[in-house]
Structures are given as structure tokens and as C-alpha cells.
Amino acid sequence: MSPATQRVLSNICFVAGFVSIAASIAIWNFYKADDAGHAERFGIFVGLWAPTFLILSGRLKPHAA
């Protein structure tokens, strides 16, 4: 994989990490379901993606230099 491609993937993963955090908060607050616990669990599930994306971003960045 070329360094330019790795740089782009690193940036995408970095942004996706923060989008995941924002989506988690939004889901937790605005998701309407019969079971309020479902919104909480789904928000936490989406929030768990953030560390994965941020770690991938950090792992790809040194190889893109």
C-alpha cells in the first residue's frame, strides 16, 4: 500500500473515531424505542468503535511518513 493511501486511511480512521463518539452521544440522547435500555446499549456499542478507529489511525500514520 502506498504511503499516500495509508495517509488517507489514517485520516479517515481519525475522523471516524470522533464521528463515532458524536454518533454515540446522539444515539443515546435521541434514539426513540420502546425500551430505553436499548438506546443506551446501542449508544455504548457505537461508542466502542471510537478506540478501534483511533488506534488504526495511529498505526497507519507512521507508515505513511
Foldseek 3Di string as FASTA:
>chain_A
DALVVLLVLLVVLQVQLVVLLVVLVCQLPPPDDPDNVVSNVVSVVSNVCNVVSNVSSVVSNVVSD
